[in-house]
Amino acid sequence: LVIGGDGSREMLTYDFRRTPPPLVLLDVSAQD
């Protein structure tokens, strides 16, 4: 669940595969 980012290519994302869901950074071109 993308909730924000750095205003450019990086997306601040909740990883709901885990409990509690951590926040991670994903580049828009990330493959996995």
PDB file of all heavy atoms in Angstrom:
ATOM      1  N   LEU A   1       0.869  -1.174   0.000  1.00  0.00           N
ATOM      2  CA  LEU A   1       0.000   0.000   0.000  1.00  0.00           C
ATOM      3  C   LEU A   1       0.903   1.221   0.000  1.00  0.00           C
ATOM      4  O   LEU A   1       1.554   1.521   1.003  1.00  0.00           O
ATOM      5  CB  LEU A   1      -0.924   0.038   1.219  1.00  0.00           C
ATOM      6  CG  LEU A   1      -1.819   1.277   1.289  1.00  0.00           C
ATOM      7  CD1 LEU A   1      -2.856   1.262   0.164  1.00  0.00           C
ATOM      8  CD2 LEU A   1      -2.498   1.373   2.639  1.00  0.00           C
ATOM      9  N   VAL A   2       0.982   1.897  -1.150  1.00  0.00           N
ATOM     10  CA  VAL A   2       1.793   3.101  -1.270  1.00  0.00           C
ATOM     11  C   VAL A   2       1.062   4.245  -0.585  1.00  0.00           C
ATOM     12  O   VAL A   2      -0.093   4.523  -0.900  1.00  0.00           O
ATOM     13  CB  VAL A   2       2.062   3.451  -2.753  1.00  0.00           C
ATOM     14  CG1 VAL A   2       2.800   4.772  -2.873  1.00  0.00           C
ATOM     15  CG2 VAL A   2       2.831   2.332  -3.434  1.00  0.00           C
ATOM     16  N   ILE A   3       1.751   4.897   0.374  1.00  0.00           N
ATOM     17  CA  ILE A   3       1.118   6.004   1.094  1.00  0.00           C
ATOM     18  C   ILE A   3       1.819   7.330   0.846  1.00  0.00           C
ATOM     19  O   ILE A   3       1.347   8.369   1.300  1.00  0.00           O
ATOM     20  CB  ILE A   3       1.033   5.743   2.610  1.00  0.00           C
ATOM     21  CG1 ILE A   3       2.420   5.686   3.258  1.00  0.00           C
ATOM     22  CG2 ILE A   3       0.232   4.468   2.883  1.00  0.00           C
ATOM     23  CD1 ILE A   3       2.400   5.813   4.768  1.00  0.00           C
ATOM     24  N   GLY A   4       2.944   7.327   0.139  1.00  0.00           N
ATOM     25  CA  GLY A   4       3.669   8.572  -0.103  1.00  0.00           C
ATOM     26  C   GLY A   4       4.987   8.287  -0.782  1.00  0.00           C
ATOM     27  O   GLY A   4       5.118   7.320  -1.519  1.00  0.00           O
ATOM     28  N   GLY A   5       5.983   9.126  -0.481  1.00  0.00           N
ATOM     29  CA  GLY A   5       7.290   8.923  -1.079  1.00  0.00           C
ATOM     30  C   GLY A   5       8.183  10.124  -0.912  1.00  0.00           C
ATOM     31  O   GLY A   5       7.968  10.982  -0.050  1.00  0.00           O
ATOM     32  N   ASP A   6       9.188  10.172  -1.792  1.00  0.00           N
ATOM     33  CA  ASP A   6      10.168  11.261  -1.722  1.00  0.00           C
ATOM     34  C   ASP A   6       9.867  12.370  -2.723  1.00  0.00           C
ATOM     35  O   ASP A   6      10.670  13.256  -2.941  1.00  0.00           O
ATOM     36  CB  ASP A   6      11.592  10.726  -1.925  1.00  0.00           C
ATOM     37  CG  ASP A   6      11.879  10.268  -3.348  1.00  0.00           C
ATOM     38  OD1 ASP A   6      10.939  10.140  -4.156  1.00  0.00           O
ATOM     39  OD2 ASP A   6      13.067  10.037  -3.657  1.00  0.00           O
ATOM     40  N   GLY A   7       8.703  12.316  -3.351  1.00  0.00           N
ATOM     41  CA  GLY A   7       8.316  13.326  -4.328  1.00  0.00           C
ATOM     42  C   GLY A   7       8.892  13.069  -5.702  1.00  0.00           C
ATOM     43  O   GLY A   7       8.698  13.858  -6.618  1.00  0.00           O
ATOM     44  N   SER A   8       9.583  11.944  -5.852  1.00  0.00           N
ATOM     45  CA  SER A   8      10.185  11.598  -7.126  1.00  0.00           C
ATOM     46  C   SER A   8       9.880  10.131  -7.441  1.00  0.00           C
ATOM     47  O   SER A   8       8.718   9.764  -7.558  1.00  0.00           O
ATOM     48  CB  SER A   8      11.696  11.864  -7.087  1.00  0.00           C
ATOM     49  OG  SER A   8      12.284  11.602  -8.343  1.00  0.00           O
ATOM     50  N   ARG A   9      10.899   9.292  -7.489  1.00  0.00           N
ATOM     51  CA  ARG A   9      10.743   7.900  -7.911  1.00  0.00           C
ATOM     52  C   ARG A   9      10.502   6.918  -6.768  1.00  0.00           C
ATOM     53  O   ARG A   9      10.140   5.777  -7.006  1.00  0.00           O
ATOM     54  CB  ARG A   9      11.995   7.443  -8.657  1.00  0.00           C
ATOM     55  CG  ARG A   9      12.274   8.222  -9.913  1.00  0.00           C
ATOM     56  CD  ARG A   9      13.571   7.745 -10.552  1.00  0.00           C
ATOM     57  NE  ARG A   9      13.616   6.313 -10.724  1.00  0.00           N
ATOM     58  CZ  ARG A   9      13.183   5.664 -11.801  1.00  0.00           C
ATOM     59  NH1 ARG A   9      12.669   6.326 -12.802  1.00  0.00           N
ATOM     60  NH2 ARG A   9      13.277   4.350 -11.875  1.00  0.00           N
ATOM     61  N   GLU A  10      10.765   7.319  -5.559  1.00  0.00           N
ATOM     62  CA  GLU A  10      10.693   6.398  -4.428  1.00  0.00           C
ATOM     63  C   GLU A  10       9.322   6.464  -3.760  1.00  0.00           C
ATOM     64  O   GLU A  10       8.840   7.540  -3.430  1.00  0.00           O
ATOM     65  CB  GLU A  10      11.778   6.722  -3.405  1.00  0.00           C
ATOM     66  CG  GLU A  10      13.186   6.725  -3.985  1.00  0.00           C
ATOM     67  CD  GLU A  10      13.654   5.371  -4.489  1.00  0.00           C
ATOM     68  OE1 GLU A  10      13.219   4.331  -3.958  1.00  0.00           O
ATOM     69  OE2 GLU A  10      14.471   5.357  -5.433  1.00  0.00           O
ATOM     70  N   MET A  11       8.722   5.302  -3.570  1.00  0.00           N
ATOM     71  CA  MET A  11       7.387   5.191  -3.004  1.00  0.00           C
ATOM     72  C   MET A  11       7.463   4.656  -1.574  1.00  0.00           C
ATOM     73  O   MET A  11       8.022   3.579  -1.349  1.00  0.00           O
ATOM     74  CB  MET A  11       6.527   4.244  -3.838  1.00  0.00           C
ATOM     75  CG  MET A  11       6.407   4.623  -5.301  1.00  0.00           C
ATOM     76  SD  MET A  11       5.398   6.088  -5.546  1.00  0.00           S
ATOM     77  CE  MET A  11       6.625   7.215  -6.164  1.00  0.00           C
ATOM     78  N   LEU A  12       6.897   5.403  -0.630  1.00  0.00           N
ATOM     79  CA  LEU A  12       6.784   4.954   0.755  1.00  0.00           C
ATOM     80  C   LEU A  12       5.609   3.992   0.819  1.00  0.00           C
ATOM     81  O   LEU A  12       4.476   4.364   0.492  1.00  0.00           O
ATOM     82  CB  LEU A  12       6.575   6.139   1.695  1.00  0.00           C
ATOM     83  CG  LEU A  12       6.452   5.813   3.175  1.00  0.00           C
ATOM     84  CD1 LEU A  12       7.734   5.147   3.699  1.00  0.00           C
ATOM     85  CD2 LEU A  12       6.145   7.077   3.967  1.00  0.00           C
ATOM     86  N   THR A  13       5.879   2.755   1.225  1.00  0.00           N
ATOM     87  CA  THR A  13       4.931   1.668   1.061  1.00  0.00           C
ATOM     88  C   THR A  13       4.798   0.832   2.324  1.00  0.00           C
ATOM     89  O   THR A  13       5.806   0.432   2.908  1.00  0.00           O
ATOM     90  CB  THR A  13       5.417   0.740  -0.085  1.00  0.00           C
ATOM     91  OG1 THR A  13       5.666   1.530  -1.250  1.00  0.00           O
ATOM     92  CG2 THR A  13       4.428  -0.345  -0.394  1.00  0.00           C
ATOM     93  N   TYR A  14       3.563   0.553   2.725  1.00  0.00           N
ATOM     94  CA  TYR A  14       3.338  -0.434   3.778  1.00  0.00           C
ATOM     95  C   TYR A  14       3.460  -1.814   3.157  1.00  0.00           C
ATOM     96  O   TYR A  14       2.966  -2.053   2.059  1.00  0.00           O
ATOM     97  CB  TYR A  14       1.928  -0.308   4.371  1.00  0.00           C
ATOM     98  CG  TYR A  14       1.812   0.669   5.505  1.00  0.00           C
ATOM     99  CD1 TYR A  14       1.080   1.839   5.350  1.00  0.00           C
ATOM    100  CD2 TYR A  14       2.425   0.422   6.735  1.00  0.00           C
ATOM    101  CE1 TYR A  14       0.958   2.742   6.400  1.00  0.00           C
ATOM    102  CE2 TYR A  14       2.304   1.328   7.782  1.00  0.00           C
ATOM    103  CZ  TYR A  14       1.579   2.478   7.610  1.00  0.00           C
ATOM    104  OH  TYR A  14       1.463   3.361   8.639  1.00  0.00           O
ATOM    105  N   ASP A  15       4.097  -2.735   3.880  1.00  0.00           N
ATOM    106  CA  ASP A  15       4.212  -4.127   3.454  1.00  0.00           C
ATOM    107  C   ASP A  15       3.260  -4.961   4.314  1.00  0.00           C
ATOM    108  O   ASP A  15       3.625  -5.430   5.387  1.00  0.00           O
ATOM    109  CB  ASP A  15       5.658  -4.601   3.616  1.00  0.00           C
ATOM    110  CG  ASP A  15       5.853  -6.046   3.179  1.00  0.00           C
ATOM    111  OD1 ASP A  15       4.865  -6.715   2.815  1.00  0.00           O
ATOM    112  OD2 ASP A  15       7.015  -6.516   3.217  1.00  0.00           O
ATOM    113  N   PHE A  16       2.014  -5.109   3.835  1.00  0.00           N
ATOM    114  CA  PHE A  16       0.995  -5.828   4.589  1.00  0.00           C
ATOM    115  C   PHE A  16       1.163  -7.344   4.520  1.00  0.00           C
ATOM    116  O   PHE A  16       0.320  -8.079   5.025  1.00  0.00           O
ATOM    117  CB  PHE A  16      -0.409  -5.421   4.120  1.00  0.00           C
ATOM    118  CG  PHE A  16      -0.891  -4.156   4.766  1.00  0.00           C
ATOM    119  CD1 PHE A  16      -0.797  -2.944   4.092  1.00  0.00           C
ATOM    120  CD2 PHE A  16      -1.425  -4.173   6.040  1.00  0.00           C
ATOM    121  CE1 PHE A  16      -1.231  -1.770   4.687  1.00  0.00           C
ATOM    122  CE2 PHE A  16      -1.868  -3.006   6.648  1.00  0.00           C
ATOM    123  CZ  PHE A  16      -1.765  -1.798   5.976  1.00  0.00           C
ATOM    124  N   ARG A  17       2.268  -7.816   3.963  1.00  0.00           N
ATOM    125  CA  ARG A  17       2.559  -9.251   4.039  1.00  0.00           C
ATOM    126  C   ARG A  17       3.028  -9.599   5.446  1.00  0.00           C
ATOM    127  O   ARG A  17       3.084 -10.755   5.813  1.00  0.00           O
ATOM    128  CB  ARG A  17       3.646  -9.648   3.039  1.00  0.00           C
ATOM    129  CG  ARG A  17       3.288  -9.400   1.584  1.00  0.00           C
ATOM    130  CD  ARG A  17       4.470  -9.665   0.673  1.00  0.00           C
ATOM    131  NE  ARG A  17       5.627  -8.897   1.132  1.00  0.00           N
ATOM    132  CZ  ARG A  17       6.893  -9.231   0.887  1.00  0.00           C
ATOM    133  NH1 ARG A  17       7.172 -10.310   0.185  1.00  0.00           N
ATOM    134  NH2 ARG A  17       7.883  -8.485   1.333  1.00  0.00           N
ATOM    135  N   ARG A  18       3.409  -8.574   6.202  1.00  0.00           N
ATOM    136  CA  ARG A  18       3.916  -8.767   7.560  1.00  0.00           C
ATOM    137  C   ARG A  18       2.978  -8.115   8.576  1.00  0.00           C
ATOM    138  O   ARG A  18       2.267  -7.185   8.249  1.00  0.00           O
ATOM    139  CB  ARG A  18       5.311  -8.162   7.670  1.00  0.00           C
ATOM    140  CG  ARG A  18       6.303  -8.922   6.801  1.00  0.00           C
ATOM    141  CD  ARG A  18       7.683  -8.317   6.839  1.00  0.00           C
ATOM    142  NE  ARG A  18       8.698  -9.124   6.193  1.00  0.00           N
ATOM    143  CZ  ARG A  18       8.752  -9.424   4.913  1.00  0.00           C
ATOM    144  NH1 ARG A  18       7.825  -9.017   4.112  1.00  0.00           N
ATOM    145  NH2 ARG A  18       9.728 -10.148   4.416  1.00  0.00           N
ATOM    146  N   THR A  19       3.038  -8.618   9.808  1.00  0.00           N
ATOM    147  CA  THR A  19       2.239  -8.053  10.890  1.00  0.00           C
ATOM    148  C   THR A  19       3.150  -7.721  12.057  1.00  0.00           C
ATOM    149  O   THR A  19       3.836  -8.616  12.534  1.00  0.00           O
ATOM    150  CB  THR A  19       1.162  -9.064  11.349  1.00  0.00           C
ATOM    151  OG1 THR A  19       0.387  -9.449  10.219  1.00  0.00           O
ATOM    152  CG2 THR A  19       0.267  -8.473  12.407  1.00  0.00           C
ATOM    153  N   PRO A  20       3.187  -6.469  12.500  1.00  0.00           N
ATOM    154  CA  PRO A  20       2.559  -5.300  11.885  1.00  0.00           C
ATOM    155  C   PRO A  20       3.275  -4.939  10.587  1.00  0.00           C
ATOM    156  O   PRO A  20       4.454  -5.274  10.412  1.00  0.00           O
ATOM    157  CB  PRO A  20       2.736  -4.202  12.951  1.00  0.00           C
ATOM    158  CG  PRO A  20       3.967  -4.594  13.703  1.00  0.00           C
ATOM    159  CD  PRO A  20       3.982  -6.114  13.693  1.00  0.00           C
ATOM    160  N   PRO A  21       2.585  -4.239   9.698  1.00  0.00           N
ATOM    161  CA  PRO A  21       3.198  -3.913   8.405  1.00  0.00           C
ATOM    162  C   PRO A  21       4.272  -2.821   8.538  1.00  0.00           C
ATOM    163  O   PRO A  21       3.973  -1.711   8.978  1.00  0.00           O
ATOM    164  CB  PRO A  21       2.025  -3.421   7.566  1.00  0.00           C
ATOM    165  CG  PRO A  21       1.045  -2.910   8.568  1.00  0.00           C
ATOM    166  CD  PRO A  21       1.216  -3.749   9.794  1.00  0.00           C
ATOM    167  N   PRO A  22       5.513  -3.131   8.163  1.00  0.00           N
ATOM    168  CA  PRO A  22       6.554  -2.092   8.193  1.00  0.00           C
ATOM    169  C   PRO A  22       6.422  -1.156   6.998  1.00  0.00           C
ATOM    170  O   PRO A  22       5.748  -1.472   6.017  1.00  0.00           O
ATOM    171  CB  PRO A  22       7.848  -2.902   8.100  1.00  0.00           C
ATOM    172  CG  PRO A  22       7.472  -4.112   7.316  1.00  0.00           C
ATOM    173  CD  PRO A  22       6.037  -4.416   7.713  1.00  0.00           C
ATOM    174  N   LEU A  23       7.096  -0.026   7.091  1.00  0.00           N
ATOM    175  CA  LEU A  23       7.170   0.913   5.972  1.00  0.00           C
ATOM    176  C   LEU A  23       8.496   0.703   5.253  1.00  0.00           C
ATOM    177  O   LEU A  23       9.553   0.658   5.877  1.00  0.00           O
ATOM    178  CB  LEU A  23       7.071   2.354   6.471  1.00  0.00           C
ATOM    179  CG  LEU A  23       5.660   2.773   6.852  1.00  0.00           C
ATOM    180  CD1 LEU A  23       5.681   4.031   7.704  1.00  0.00           C
ATOM    181  CD2 LEU A  23       4.820   2.994   5.604  1.00  0.00           C
ATOM    182  N   VAL A  24       8.414   0.561   3.933  1.00  0.00           N
ATOM    183  CA  VAL A  24       9.588   0.366   3.103  1.00  0.00           C
ATOM    184  C   VAL A  24       9.581   1.388   1.976  1.00  0.00           C
ATOM    185  O   VAL A  24       8.550   2.006   1.684  1.00  0.00           O
ATOM    186  CB  VAL A  24       9.650  -1.071   2.520  1.00  0.00           C
ATOM    187  CG1 VAL A  24       9.721  -2.107   3.636  1.00  0.00           C
ATOM    188  CG2 VAL A  24       8.479  -1.345   1.590  1.00  0.00           C
ATOM    189  N   LEU A  25      10.722   1.554   1.349  1.00  0.00           N
ATOM    190  CA  LEU A  25      10.846   2.429   0.188  1.00  0.00           C
ATOM    191  C   LEU A  25      11.054   1.552  -1.034  1.00  0.00           C
ATOM    192  O   LEU A  25      11.893   0.645  -1.024  1.00  0.00           O
ATOM    193  CB  LEU A  25      12.056   3.361   0.393  1.00  0.00           C
ATOM    194  CG  LEU A  25      12.032   4.717  -0.289  1.00  0.00           C
ATOM    195  CD1 LEU A  25      10.800   5.518   0.099  1.00  0.00           C
ATOM    196  CD2 LEU A  25      13.292   5.492   0.067  1.00  0.00           C
ATOM    197  N   LEU A  26      10.255   1.800  -2.084  1.00  0.00           N
ATOM    198  CA  LEU A  26      10.357   1.064  -3.344  1.00  0.00           C
ATOM    199  C   LEU A  26      10.491   2.052  -4.495  1.00  0.00           C
ATOM    200  O   LEU A  26       9.718   2.999  -4.585  1.00  0.00           O
ATOM    201  CB  LEU A  26       9.096   0.228  -3.584  1.00  0.00           C
ATOM    202  CG  LEU A  26       8.933  -1.049  -2.797  1.00  0.00           C
ATOM    203  CD1 LEU A  26       7.504  -1.573  -2.936  1.00  0.00           C
ATOM    204  CD2 LEU A  26       9.916  -2.098  -3.278  1.00  0.00           C
ATOM    205  N   ASP A  27      11.461   1.828  -5.357  1.00  0.00           N
ATOM    206  CA  ASP A  27      11.599   2.634  -6.566  1.00  0.00           C
ATOM    207  C   ASP A  27      10.475   2.254  -7.521  1.00  0.00           C
ATOM    208  O   ASP A  27      10.066   1.086  -7.565  1.00  0.00           O
ATOM    209  CB  ASP A  27      12.961   2.375  -7.221  1.00  0.00           C
ATOM    210  CG  ASP A  27      13.197   3.277  -8.419  1.00  0.00           C
ATOM    211  OD1 ASP A  27      12.739   2.915  -9.533  1.00  0.00           O
ATOM    212  OD2 ASP A  27      13.804   4.335  -8.259  1.00  0.00           O
ATOM    213  N   VAL A  28       9.982   3.209  -8.287  1.00  0.00           N
ATOM    214  CA  VAL A  28       8.877   2.934  -9.216  1.00  0.00           C
ATOM    215  C   VAL A  28       9.243   1.870 -10.251  1.00  0.00           C
ATOM    216  O   VAL A  28       8.354   1.234 -10.811  1.00  0.00           O
ATOM    217  CB  VAL A  28       8.368   4.212  -9.935  1.00  0.00           C
ATOM    218  CG1 VAL A  28       7.755   5.176  -8.949  1.00  0.00           C
ATOM    219  CG2 VAL A  28       9.460   4.876 -10.734  1.00  0.00           C
ATOM    220  N   SER A  29      10.532   1.655 -10.497  1.00  0.00           N
ATOM    221  CA  SER A  29      10.944   0.649 -11.480  1.00  0.00           C
ATOM    222  C   SER A  29      11.298  -0.688 -10.835  1.00  0.00           C
ATOM    223  O   SER A  29      11.732  -1.610 -11.530  1.00  0.00           O
ATOM    224  CB  SER A  29      12.148   1.161 -12.280  1.00  0.00           C
ATOM    225  OG  SER A  29      13.276   1.305 -11.426  1.00  0.00           O
ATOM    226  N   ALA A  30      11.098  -0.843  -9.529  1.00  0.00           N
ATOM    227  CA  ALA A  30      11.423  -2.094  -8.838  1.00  0.00           C
ATOM    228  C   ALA A  30      10.639  -3.249  -9.449  1.00  0.00           C
ATOM    229  O   ALA A  30       9.484  -3.093  -9.837  1.00  0.00           O
ATOM    230  CB  ALA A  30      11.131  -1.967  -7.356  1.00  0.00           C
ATOM    231  N   GLN A  31      11.275  -4.394  -9.520  1.00  0.00           N
ATOM    232  CA  GLN A  31      10.646  -5.572 -10.107  1.00  0.00           C
ATOM    233  C   GLN A  31      10.010  -6.491  -9.083  1.00  0.00           C
ATOM    234  O   GLN A  31       9.113  -7.244  -9.402  1.00  0.00           O
ATOM    235  CB  GLN A  31      11.693  -6.368 -10.906  1.00  0.00           C
ATOM    236  CG  GLN A  31      12.288  -5.595 -12.057  1.00  0.00           C
ATOM    237  CD  GLN A  31      11.240  -5.197 -13.075  1.00  0.00           C
ATOM    238  OE1 GLN A  31      10.492  -6.033 -13.557  1.00  0.00           O
ATOM    239  NE2 GLN A  31      11.164  -3.921 -13.390  1.00  0.00           N
ATOM    240  N   ASP A  32      10.513  -6.454  -7.844  1.00  0.00           N
ATOM    241  CA  ASP A  32       9.956  -7.318  -6.805  1.00  0.00           C
ATOM    242  C   ASP A  32      10.330  -6.775  -5.425  1.00  0.00           C
ATOM    243  O   ASP A  32      11.029  -5.772  -5.314  1.00  0.00           O
ATOM    244  CB  ASP A  32      10.417  -8.773  -6.976  1.00  0.00           C
ATOM    245  CG  ASP A  32      11.927  -8.921  -6.965  1.00  0.00           C
ATOM    246  OD1 ASP A  32      12.610  -8.245  -6.155  1.00  0.00           O
ATOM    247  OD2 ASP A  32      12.439  -9.731  -7.749  1.00  0.00           O
TER     248      ASP A  32
END
